[in-house]
């Protein structure tokens, strides 16, 4: 009887812990919705990998060139918040050494301006949750740069079927970078079983942002690109900009520092130096994080009218509300086009196609046009929603967030920007060109950038319901 009672109490503790951490109050500053500000000095940046038959792929990449240039202009303040910040790479591929380039640029600037505040925020995946050392983080800290690994336990649990048990039994054991014995998926150093237990929580600080000062004022970059060698061939999109919206982005990053018990003093001082007034311009911008991105996405889709155009380029698409909204928009006469990664490759490992092929089947069966990016080892990693209206207005949403439950329902940390402008605005026109070139350059083109739906179609009902189960429960990596 005593054993049964004890077992019952343990199960009750696990169930109660799972329930609480699935619905607990969000940390202050999460799900942030900034004010709408004038968009100043925007530069839309795109990364593409182009394939010309049997020739070596050509990299047409802009995002990290802008990143390094912004860091090189900084004198007093640099804040980096990046999800993947490591040198993992697939064998046999000539990757750009992004992690090392970013590390060297930050250290170089710190040495040139020793009084500058330099802050690096990242996800603990880069040390396998404390089970391994990061060579890049070690070098940064030796140079006097603050490195903060986000404390993810403050966030709601995205995989409650595991996280309730982990919180009760396993989190108290901490981790060690000196007692590993299991293979490390991102480096050579062995890791502990505790690293894998932490990994199964399936939550992340997934943001990809940079904020710096310069002689012309503060500037920010929000993108879908990671400083990760193995990701250097991916297609991505980003926007750099100045003006008062930078202060809103900095406030959203202050929240990450606070929930990680890190000092916010440098951010507070930087906020005091950013002018929050700007002349009205021909375009506007708004900073959005977490579920505020979902709400803006749904509003963009659901308010589109017959004859308007919606173009979506997305690495992961699985969110049930957004899929439903896209289908309904198409039915009421909105021109909807969806460009997806086929989810068939990740850093040299073959994937099952879940969830995109299942989402694509659902969209196609309901009359929505779908094409696949033509990838050969790299990923179609962009996260772009572009609406162009018949009345010449446009709305553009881009940043770190995939359209999944984990990315949009306050489980991961994410950062996006919403741009409101005329269709003739250069930023909108470049985004439109980025999408059009990929959509229209199919088989028969000199550079094949996309493939028809049939190329990766998967009509398996088993895998469809696998996707639905994984999306609903959190037992997934997407």
Protein backbone atom coordinates (compact mmCIF):
# COMPACT_ATOMS: atom_id res chain seq x y z
CA UNK A 1 0.00 0.00 0.00
CA UNK A 2 2.81 2.39 0.88
CA UNK A 3 4.59 1.75 -2.42
CA UNK A 4 1.35 2.35 -4.38
CA UNK A 5 0.73 5.56 -2.48
CA UNK A 6 4.29 6.74 -3.08
CA UNK A 7 4.04 5.90 -6.78
CA UNK A 8 0.74 7.72 -7.01
CA UNK A 9 2.23 10.82 -5.38
CA UNK A 10 5.18 10.77 -7.77
CA UNK A 11 2.90 10.48 -10.79
CA UNK A 12 0.73 13.28 -9.41
CA UNK A 13 3.81 15.47 -8.94
CA UNK A 14 4.92 14.81 -12.52
CA UNK A 15 1.45 15.49 -13.96
CA UNK A 16 1.04 18.64 -11.88
CA UNK A 17 4.48 19.88 -12.88
CA UNK A 18 3.72 19.24 -16.57
CA UNK A 19 0.42 21.08 -16.33
CA UNK A 20 1.83 24.10 -14.49
CA UNK A 21 4.83 24.58 -16.74
CA UNK A 22 2.64 24.30 -19.85
CA UNK A 23 0.42 27.19 -18.79
CA UNK A 24 2.44 29.20 -16.26
CA UNK A 25 2.70 32.99 -16.65
CA UNK A 26 5.22 34.09 -19.26
CA UNK A 27 8.41 35.85 -18.17
CA UNK A 28 8.13 39.64 -18.32
CA UNK A 29 8.84 40.93 -21.82
CA UNK A 30 8.06 37.71 -23.70
CA UNK A 31 5.42 37.95 -26.48
CA UNK A 32 6.54 41.54 -27.04
CA UNK A 33 4.68 43.83 -29.43
CA UNK A 34 6.51 47.05 -30.14
CA UNK A 35 5.08 50.32 -31.36
CA UNK A 36 4.80 51.05 -35.07
CA UNK A 37 7.72 53.33 -36.00
CA UNK A 38 9.03 54.93 -39.18
CA UNK A 39 11.33 52.55 -41.05
CA UNK A 40 14.70 54.27 -41.39
CA UNK A 41 17.58 53.29 -43.66
CA UNK A 42 16.33 49.76 -44.38
CA UNK A 43 18.45 47.21 -46.19
CA UNK A 44 16.79 43.95 -47.16
CA UNK A 45 19.37 41.17 -47.22
CA UNK A 46 19.04 37.81 -48.90
CA UNK A 47 21.07 34.61 -49.02
CA UNK A 48 20.66 32.19 -51.92
CA UNK A 49 22.55 29.12 -53.04
CA UNK A 50 22.27 28.75 -56.82
CA UNK A 51 22.64 25.41 -58.62
CA UNK A 52 23.73 25.39 -62.28
CA UNK A 53 23.50 21.79 -63.46
CA UNK A 54 26.54 19.81 -62.35
CA UNK A 55 28.60 22.89 -61.52
CA UNK A 56 29.59 23.74 -57.97
CA UNK A 57 26.88 25.78 -56.23
CA UNK A 58 27.23 29.55 -56.27
CA UNK A 59 26.66 31.36 -53.00
CA UNK A 60 24.88 34.70 -53.35
CA UNK A 61 24.90 35.74 -49.69
CA UNK A 62 24.53 39.15 -48.03
CA UNK A 63 23.45 38.69 -44.41
CA UNK A 64 26.77 37.96 -42.71
CA UNK A 65 28.61 40.52 -44.81
CA UNK A 66 26.21 43.06 -43.28
CA UNK A 67 26.71 41.50 -39.84
CA UNK A 68 30.48 41.87 -39.99
CA UNK A 69 30.23 45.40 -41.40
CA UNK A 70 27.92 46.50 -38.57
CA UNK A 71 30.26 45.07 -35.95
CA UNK A 72 33.21 46.81 -37.61
CA UNK A 73 31.45 50.19 -37.30
CA UNK A 74 30.54 49.77 -33.61
CA UNK A 75 32.34 51.86 -31.02
CA UNK A 76 30.37 51.58 -27.77
CA UNK A 77 27.81 48.78 -27.98
CA UNK A 78 27.30 45.39 -29.61
CA UNK A 79 24.60 42.87 -28.74
CA UNK A 80 24.38 39.54 -30.54
CA UNK A 81 21.60 37.03 -29.91
CA UNK A 82 22.03 33.94 -32.09
CA UNK A 83 20.59 30.43 -31.81
CA UNK A 84 23.22 28.22 -33.47
CA UNK A 85 26.73 29.56 -32.85
CA UNK A 86 29.10 26.69 -33.55
CA UNK A 87 31.28 25.11 -36.23
CA UNK A 88 29.41 21.87 -36.88
CA UNK A 89 29.58 21.02 -40.57
CA UNK A 90 28.70 18.17 -42.92
CA UNK A 91 31.70 16.28 -44.27
CA UNK A 92 32.95 17.11 -47.75
CA UNK A 93 31.31 20.50 -48.07
CA UNK A 94 33.11 23.81 -48.45
CA UNK A 95 31.26 25.77 -45.78
CA UNK A 96 31.88 29.37 -44.87
CA UNK A 97 33.37 29.49 -41.36
CA UNK A 98 30.67 31.75 -39.98
CA UNK A 99 31.10 30.97 -36.28
CA UNK A 100 34.82 31.71 -36.38
CA UNK A 101 34.34 34.87 -38.46
CA UNK A 102 31.79 36.24 -36.00
CA UNK A 103 33.97 35.32 -33.01
CA UNK A 104 37.02 37.01 -34.52
CA UNK A 105 35.06 40.14 -35.48
CA UNK A 106 33.69 40.55 -31.94
CA UNK A 107 37.09 40.03 -30.33
CA UNK A 108 38.76 42.40 -32.79
CA UNK A 109 36.27 45.15 -32.02
CA UNK A 110 36.53 44.55 -28.29
CA UNK A 111 40.31 44.94 -28.45
CA UNK A 112 40.03 48.10 -30.56
CA UNK A 113 37.48 49.64 -28.17
CA UNK A 114 38.05 48.07 -24.73
CA UNK A 115 35.41 50.28 -23.06
CA UNK A 116 32.67 49.07 -25.40
CA UNK A 117 29.87 46.90 -24.06
CA UNK A 118 29.83 43.63 -26.02
CA UNK A 119 27.17 41.05 -25.14
CA UNK A 120 26.61 37.65 -26.72
CA UNK A 121 23.38 35.79 -25.99
CA UNK A 122 22.90 32.29 -27.32
CA UNK A 123 21.11 29.03 -26.81
CA UNK A 124 22.58 26.32 -24.54
CA UNK A 125 22.40 23.84 -27.44
CA UNK A 126 25.87 25.14 -28.36
CA UNK A 127 27.31 23.54 -25.21
CA UNK A 128 24.81 20.67 -25.21
CA UNK A 129 23.21 22.23 -22.11
CA UNK A 130 26.44 22.38 -20.17
CA UNK A 131 27.73 18.99 -21.27
CA UNK A 132 30.53 20.34 -23.49
CA UNK A 133 32.78 23.36 -23.89
CA UNK A 134 32.31 25.88 -26.68
CA UNK A 135 35.62 27.00 -28.14
CA UNK A 136 33.97 30.14 -29.51
CA UNK A 137 32.41 31.05 -26.18
CA UNK A 138 35.72 30.41 -24.40
CA UNK A 139 37.56 32.79 -26.73
CA UNK A 140 34.90 35.46 -26.34
CA UNK A 141 34.96 35.27 -22.55
CA UNK A 142 38.77 35.41 -22.50
CA UNK A 143 38.50 38.65 -24.47
CA UNK A 144 36.23 40.12 -21.79
CA UNK A 145 32.99 39.64 -23.72
CA UNK A 146 29.91 38.66 -21.73
CA UNK A 147 28.45 35.37 -22.96
CA UNK A 148 24.96 34.50 -21.70
CA UNK A 149 23.44 31.10 -22.34
CA UNK A 150 19.70 31.60 -22.10
CA UNK A 151 17.97 29.99 -19.11
CA UNK A 152 15.23 28.11 -20.91
CA UNK A 153 13.58 26.74 -17.76
CA UNK A 154 11.81 30.08 -17.34
CA UNK A 155 9.87 29.42 -20.54
CA UNK A 156 6.78 27.27 -20.85
CA UNK A 157 7.37 23.64 -21.73
CA UNK A 158 6.85 22.69 -25.36
CA UNK A 159 7.13 18.93 -24.73
CA UNK A 160 5.20 18.44 -21.49
CA UNK A 161 5.08 14.65 -21.87
CA UNK A 162 8.82 14.67 -21.12
CA UNK A 163 9.50 17.98 -19.39
CA UNK A 164 7.33 17.27 -16.35
CA UNK A 165 9.38 14.15 -15.60
CA UNK A 166 12.64 15.99 -16.36
CA UNK A 167 11.80 18.83 -14.00
CA UNK A 168 10.95 16.42 -11.17
CA UNK A 169 13.78 13.93 -11.57
CA UNK A 170 16.64 15.25 -13.65
CA UNK A 171 17.15 19.01 -13.75
CA UNK A 172 18.59 19.03 -10.23
CA UNK A 173 21.67 17.05 -11.30
CA UNK A 174 23.05 19.92 -13.40
CA UNK A 175 25.61 18.90 -16.00
CA UNK A 176 29.35 18.51 -16.51
CA UNK A 177 31.61 19.19 -19.47
CA UNK A 178 34.26 16.83 -18.07
CA UNK A 179 32.42 13.52 -17.67
CA UNK A 180 30.90 12.95 -21.10
CA UNK A 181 30.77 9.50 -22.67
CA UNK A 182 28.12 9.81 -25.40
CA UNK A 183 28.50 11.14 -28.97
CA UNK A 184 28.16 14.89 -29.37
CA UNK A 185 25.95 15.92 -32.32
CA UNK A 186 27.64 19.33 -32.72
CA UNK A 187 31.29 18.74 -31.79
CA UNK A 188 33.92 16.09 -31.07
CA UNK A 189 33.83 16.31 -27.28
CA UNK A 190 31.76 13.57 -25.62
CA UNK A 191 28.67 14.61 -23.64
CA UNK A 192 26.67 13.20 -20.77
CA UNK A 193 23.29 11.51 -20.69
CA UNK A 194 22.07 14.64 -18.91
CA UNK A 195 22.70 16.60 -22.11
CA UNK A 196 20.34 14.36 -24.02
CA UNK A 197 17.74 14.56 -21.24
CA UNK A 198 17.86 18.37 -21.53
CA UNK A 199 17.73 18.20 -25.33
CA UNK A 200 14.42 16.31 -25.17
CA UNK A 201 12.72 19.40 -23.73
CA UNK A 202 12.71 20.70 -27.32
CA UNK A 203 12.80 24.40 -26.51
CA UNK A 204 15.18 27.12 -27.59
CA UNK A 205 16.18 30.73 -27.78
CA UNK A 206 15.76 30.68 -31.56
CA UNK A 207 16.39 34.40 -32.19
CA UNK A 208 18.89 35.74 -34.72
CA UNK A 209 19.56 39.44 -34.11
CA UNK A 210 22.36 41.99 -33.96
CA UNK A 211 22.25 45.50 -32.45
CA UNK A 212 25.19 47.90 -32.70
CA UNK A 213 25.96 51.56 -32.37
CA UNK A 214 27.72 53.55 -35.09
CA UNK A 215 28.63 57.12 -35.89
CA UNK A 216 25.17 57.52 -37.43
CA UNK A 217 23.28 56.08 -34.47
CA UNK A 218 22.13 52.62 -33.47
CA UNK A 219 21.32 49.98 -36.03
CA UNK A 220 19.78 46.48 -35.88
CA UNK A 221 19.64 43.37 -38.02
CA UNK A 222 16.86 40.76 -37.73
CA UNK A 223 17.18 37.65 -39.87
CA UNK A 224 16.69 33.90 -40.22
CA UNK A 225 20.44 33.20 -40.49
CA UNK A 226 22.65 31.51 -37.85
CA UNK A 227 26.43 31.95 -37.40
CA UNK A 228 26.80 28.23 -37.90
CA UNK A 229 29.26 26.77 -40.41
CA UNK A 230 26.94 23.95 -41.45
CA UNK A 231 24.19 26.49 -42.19
CA UNK A 232 26.33 28.70 -44.40
CA UNK A 233 24.79 27.41 -47.64
CA UNK A 234 21.20 27.94 -46.51
CA UNK A 235 18.88 30.43 -48.12
CA UNK A 236 17.85 33.15 -45.65
CA UNK A 237 16.37 36.62 -45.46
CA UNK A 238 16.96 39.55 -43.11
CA UNK A 239 16.45 43.27 -42.63
CA UNK A 240 18.81 45.82 -41.16
CA UNK A 241 17.44 49.21 -40.10
CA UNK A 242 17.92 52.23 -37.87
CA UNK A 243 15.63 54.52 -35.93
CA UNK A 244 13.43 54.12 -32.85
CA UNK A 245 12.46 50.52 -33.69
CA UNK A 246 15.97 49.55 -32.59
CA UNK A 247 15.03 50.56 -29.04
CA UNK A 248 12.04 48.21 -29.11
CA UNK A 249 14.26 45.35 -30.28
CA UNK A 250 16.69 46.16 -27.48
CA UNK A 251 13.83 46.05 -24.95
CA UNK A 252 12.89 42.60 -26.16
CA UNK A 253 16.49 41.49 -25.64
CA UNK A 254 16.56 43.02 -22.19
CA UNK A 255 13.82 40.55 -21.30
CA UNK A 256 16.05 37.63 -22.35
CA UNK A 257 18.87 38.89 -20.15
CA UNK A 258 16.48 39.33 -17.23
CA UNK A 259 14.99 35.84 -17.45
CA UNK A 260 18.55 34.48 -17.62
CA UNK A 261 19.54 36.36 -14.43
CA UNK A 262 22.12 38.39 -16.39
CA UNK A 263 22.95 42.06 -15.96
CA UNK A 264 20.82 44.49 -17.97
CA UNK A 265 22.91 47.57 -17.15
CA UNK A 266 24.59 47.88 -20.56
CA UNK A 267 21.24 47.55 -22.33
CA UNK A 268 19.64 50.14 -20.05
CA UNK A 269 22.47 52.56 -20.78
CA UNK A 270 22.20 51.93 -24.53
CA UNK A 271 18.45 52.57 -24.43
CA UNK A 272 19.21 55.96 -22.94
CA UNK A 273 21.33 56.81 -25.99
CA UNK A 274 18.79 55.85 -28.69
CA UNK A 275 16.58 58.60 -30.04
CA UNK A 276 12.97 57.42 -30.05
CA UNK A 277 11.70 60.17 -32.31
CA UNK A 278 11.96 60.12 -36.08
CA UNK A 279 10.36 61.93 -38.99
CA UNK A 280 7.46 60.15 -40.66
CA UNK A 281 8.52 58.23 -43.74
CA UNK A 282 7.03 56.20 -46.55
CA UNK A 283 7.29 52.91 -44.63
CA UNK A 284 6.81 51.70 -41.06
CA UNK A 285 8.19 48.87 -38.94
CA UNK A 286 7.12 46.98 -35.82
CA UNK A 287 9.13 44.60 -33.61
CA UNK A 288 7.31 41.38 -32.70
CA UNK A 289 8.34 38.36 -30.63
CA UNK A 290 6.81 34.94 -29.90
CA UNK A 291 2.97 34.85 -30.05
CA UNK A 292 2.85 38.46 -31.25
CA UNK A 293 4.38 37.07 -34.48
CA UNK A 294 1.56 34.52 -34.71
CA UNK A 295 -1.07 37.20 -34.21
CA UNK A 296 0.45 39.43 -36.89
CA UNK A 297 0.73 36.48 -39.29
CA UNK A 298 -2.92 35.55 -38.79
CA UNK A 299 -4.01 39.16 -39.19
CA UNK A 300 -2.00 39.48 -42.42
CA UNK A 301 -3.62 36.36 -43.88
CA UNK A 302 -7.17 36.71 -42.60
CA UNK A 303 -7.57 40.35 -43.70
CA UNK A 304 -6.32 39.70 -47.24
CA UNK A 305 -9.07 40.38 -49.76
CA UNK A 306 -9.93 38.79 -53.12
CA UNK A 307 -7.31 39.79 -55.67
CA UNK A 308 -4.60 40.41 -53.05
CA UNK A 309 -1.48 38.23 -53.15
CA UNK A 310 0.06 36.22 -50.32
CA UNK A 311 3.52 34.69 -50.78
CA UNK A 312 5.01 32.49 -48.07
CA UNK A 313 8.60 31.13 -48.04
CA UNK A 314 9.08 28.97 -44.96
CA UNK A 315 11.46 26.36 -43.58
CA UNK A 316 8.85 24.72 -41.33
CA UNK A 317 5.09 25.08 -41.81
CA UNK A 318 2.85 23.14 -39.44
CA UNK A 319 0.78 25.56 -37.32
CA UNK A 320 -2.84 24.50 -37.59
CA UNK A 321 -4.37 27.99 -37.37
CA UNK A 322 -2.07 29.35 -40.05
CA UNK A 323 -2.66 26.43 -42.42
CA UNK A 324 -6.39 26.90 -42.02
CA UNK A 325 -6.07 30.65 -42.61
CA UNK A 326 -4.08 30.11 -45.82
CA UNK A 327 -6.68 27.68 -47.17
CA UNK A 328 -9.56 30.03 -46.32
CA UNK A 329 -7.74 32.95 -47.96
CA UNK A 330 -7.29 30.95 -51.16
CA UNK A 331 -10.97 29.98 -51.18
CA UNK A 332 -12.09 33.60 -50.97
CA UNK A 333 -10.01 34.63 -53.97
CA UNK A 334 -6.63 35.60 -52.51
CA UNK A 335 -3.70 34.48 -54.70
CA UNK A 336 -1.73 32.24 -52.31
CA UNK A 337 1.68 30.73 -53.12
CA UNK A 338 3.70 28.67 -50.67
CA UNK A 339 7.41 27.89 -51.17
CA UNK A 340 8.73 25.26 -48.76
CA UNK A 341 11.82 23.31 -47.84
CA UNK A 342 11.15 19.61 -48.52
CA UNK A 343 12.62 18.65 -45.12
CA UNK A 344 14.67 15.91 -46.73
CA UNK A 345 18.16 16.86 -45.53
CA UNK A 346 19.76 18.27 -42.40
CA UNK A 347 23.57 18.57 -42.27
CA UNK A 348 24.18 15.36 -44.17
CA UNK A 349 21.39 13.36 -42.50
CA UNK A 350 18.28 12.30 -44.40
CA UNK A 351 14.95 13.44 -42.91
CA UNK A 352 11.41 12.10 -43.28
CA UNK A 353 9.82 15.18 -44.81
CA UNK A 354 7.70 15.84 -41.71
CA UNK A 355 6.02 18.33 -41.35
CA UNK A 356 6.28 20.22 -44.65
CA UNK A 357 5.28 17.45 -47.03
CA UNK A 358 2.19 16.76 -44.94
CA UNK A 359 1.30 20.46 -44.74
CA UNK A 360 1.89 20.75 -48.49
CA UNK A 361 -0.47 17.84 -49.17
CA UNK A 362 -3.18 19.55 -47.14
CA UNK A 363 -2.66 22.86 -48.91
CA UNK A 364 -2.57 21.30 -52.37
CA UNK A 365 -5.69 19.27 -51.73
CA UNK A 366 -7.43 22.56 -50.94
CA UNK A 367 -6.28 24.40 -54.05
CA UNK A 368 -3.23 26.26 -52.71
CA UNK A 369 -0.18 26.42 -55.00
CA UNK A 370 2.94 24.83 -53.45
CA UNK A 371 6.49 24.49 -54.75
CA UNK A 372 9.68 23.14 -53.18
CA UNK A 373 13.03 24.86 -52.96
CA UNK A 374 15.63 23.01 -55.05
CA UNK A 375 18.11 22.20 -52.29
CA UNK A 376 21.14 19.92 -52.52
CA UNK A 377 22.28 19.45 -48.96
CA UNK A 378 21.46 22.99 -47.82
CA UNK A 379 18.10 24.16 -46.46
CA UNK A 380 15.50 26.63 -47.66
CA UNK A 381 15.72 28.40 -44.30
CA UNK A 382 13.90 31.67 -44.99
CA UNK A 383 10.90 32.76 -42.97
CA UNK A 384 9.02 35.29 -45.10
CA UNK A 385 5.36 36.26 -45.41
CA UNK A 386 4.68 38.92 -48.04
CA UNK A 387 1.23 40.36 -48.79
CA UNK A 388 0.74 42.72 -51.72
CA UNK A 389 -2.70 44.29 -52.05
CA UNK A 390 -4.56 45.50 -55.09
CA UNK A 391 -4.58 49.02 -53.61
CA UNK A 392 -0.73 49.04 -53.84
CA UNK A 393 -0.12 48.52 -50.12
CA UNK A 394 2.11 45.73 -48.77
CA UNK A 395 2.87 43.96 -45.50
CA UNK A 396 6.04 41.93 -44.96
CA UNK A 397 6.90 39.73 -41.99
CA UNK A 398 10.35 38.17 -41.62
CA UNK A 399 12.77 36.99 -38.97
CA UNK A 400 13.55 33.86 -36.98
CA UNK A 401 10.12 32.28 -36.54
CA UNK A 402 8.98 29.22 -38.40
CA UNK A 403 5.22 28.81 -38.67
CA UNK A 404 4.95 26.05 -36.05
CA UNK A 405 3.34 25.67 -32.65
CA UNK A 406 6.72 25.71 -30.93
CA UNK A 407 7.87 28.88 -32.68
CA UNK A 408 4.65 30.88 -32.40
CA UNK A 409 2.84 29.80 -29.22
CA UNK A 410 5.23 31.27 -26.62
CA UNK A 411 7.40 28.15 -26.28
CA UNK A 412 10.57 29.29 -28.10
CA UNK A 413 12.07 32.77 -28.05
CA UNK A 414 11.67 34.35 -31.51
CA UNK A 415 12.15 37.79 -33.13
CA UNK A 416 10.48 39.12 -36.28
CA UNK A 417 9.86 42.48 -37.91
CA UNK A 418 6.65 43.59 -39.60
CA UNK A 419 7.10 46.12 -42.40
CA UNK A 420 4.20 48.21 -43.73
CA UNK A 421 4.91 49.99 -46.99
CA UNK A 422 3.80 50.69 -50.52
CA UNK A 423 4.39 47.90 -53.04
CA UNK A 424 6.82 50.19 -54.87
CA UNK A 425 9.09 50.56 -51.82
CA UNK A 426 12.57 49.15 -52.60
CA UNK A 427 12.43 46.84 -49.57
CA UNK A 428 9.16 45.29 -50.73
CA UNK A 429 10.36 45.08 -54.32
CA UNK A 430 13.51 43.20 -53.33
CA UNK A 431 11.52 40.76 -51.19
CA UNK A 432 9.14 40.24 -54.10
CA UNK A 433 12.09 39.56 -56.43
CA UNK A 434 13.59 37.12 -53.91
CA UNK A 435 10.37 35.10 -53.93
CA UNK A 436 9.61 35.43 -57.65
CA UNK A 437 13.03 34.23 -58.74
CA UNK A 438 12.76 31.12 -56.63
CA UNK A 439 9.15 30.44 -57.65
CA UNK A 440 9.63 30.90 -61.40
CA UNK A 441 13.07 29.35 -61.98
CA UNK A 442 12.09 25.70 -62.16
CA UNK A 443 13.40 22.78 -64.22
CA UNK A 444 14.70 24.02 -67.56
CA UNK A 445 16.07 27.26 -66.11
CA UNK A 446 19.83 27.87 -66.06
CA UNK A 447 19.69 27.92 -62.25
CA UNK A 448 16.94 25.60 -61.00
CA UNK A 449 15.67 27.23 -57.82
CA UNK A 450 12.38 25.40 -57.22
CA UNK A 451 10.57 22.19 -58.08
CA UNK A 452 6.88 21.41 -58.62
CA UNK A 453 4.81 19.93 -55.81
CA UNK A 454 4.94 16.45 -57.34
CA UNK A 455 8.73 16.30 -56.90
CA UNK A 456 8.42 15.72 -53.13
CA UNK A 457 4.72 14.93 -52.74
CA UNK A 458 3.93 12.52 -49.90
CA UNK A 459 0.33 11.32 -49.58
CA UNK A 460 0.94 8.86 -46.74
CA UNK A 461 -1.89 9.14 -44.21
CA UNK A 462 0.36 7.50 -41.62
CA UNK A 463 2.94 10.29 -41.88
CA UNK A 464 0.19 12.92 -42.03
CA UNK A 465 -1.22 11.80 -38.69
CA UNK A 466 2.32 11.44 -37.36
CA UNK A 467 2.79 15.15 -38.11
CA UNK A 468 -0.53 16.02 -36.44
CA UNK A 469 0.42 14.08 -33.32
CA UNK A 470 3.89 15.59 -33.15
CA UNK A 471 2.57 19.13 -33.63
CA UNK A 472 -0.11 18.72 -30.97
CA UNK A 473 2.03 17.06 -28.30
CA UNK A 474 5.41 18.74 -28.79
CA UNK A 475 7.14 15.41 -29.43
CA UNK A 476 9.06 16.88 -32.33
CA UNK A 477 12.04 19.03 -33.22
CA UNK A 478 9.97 21.43 -35.35
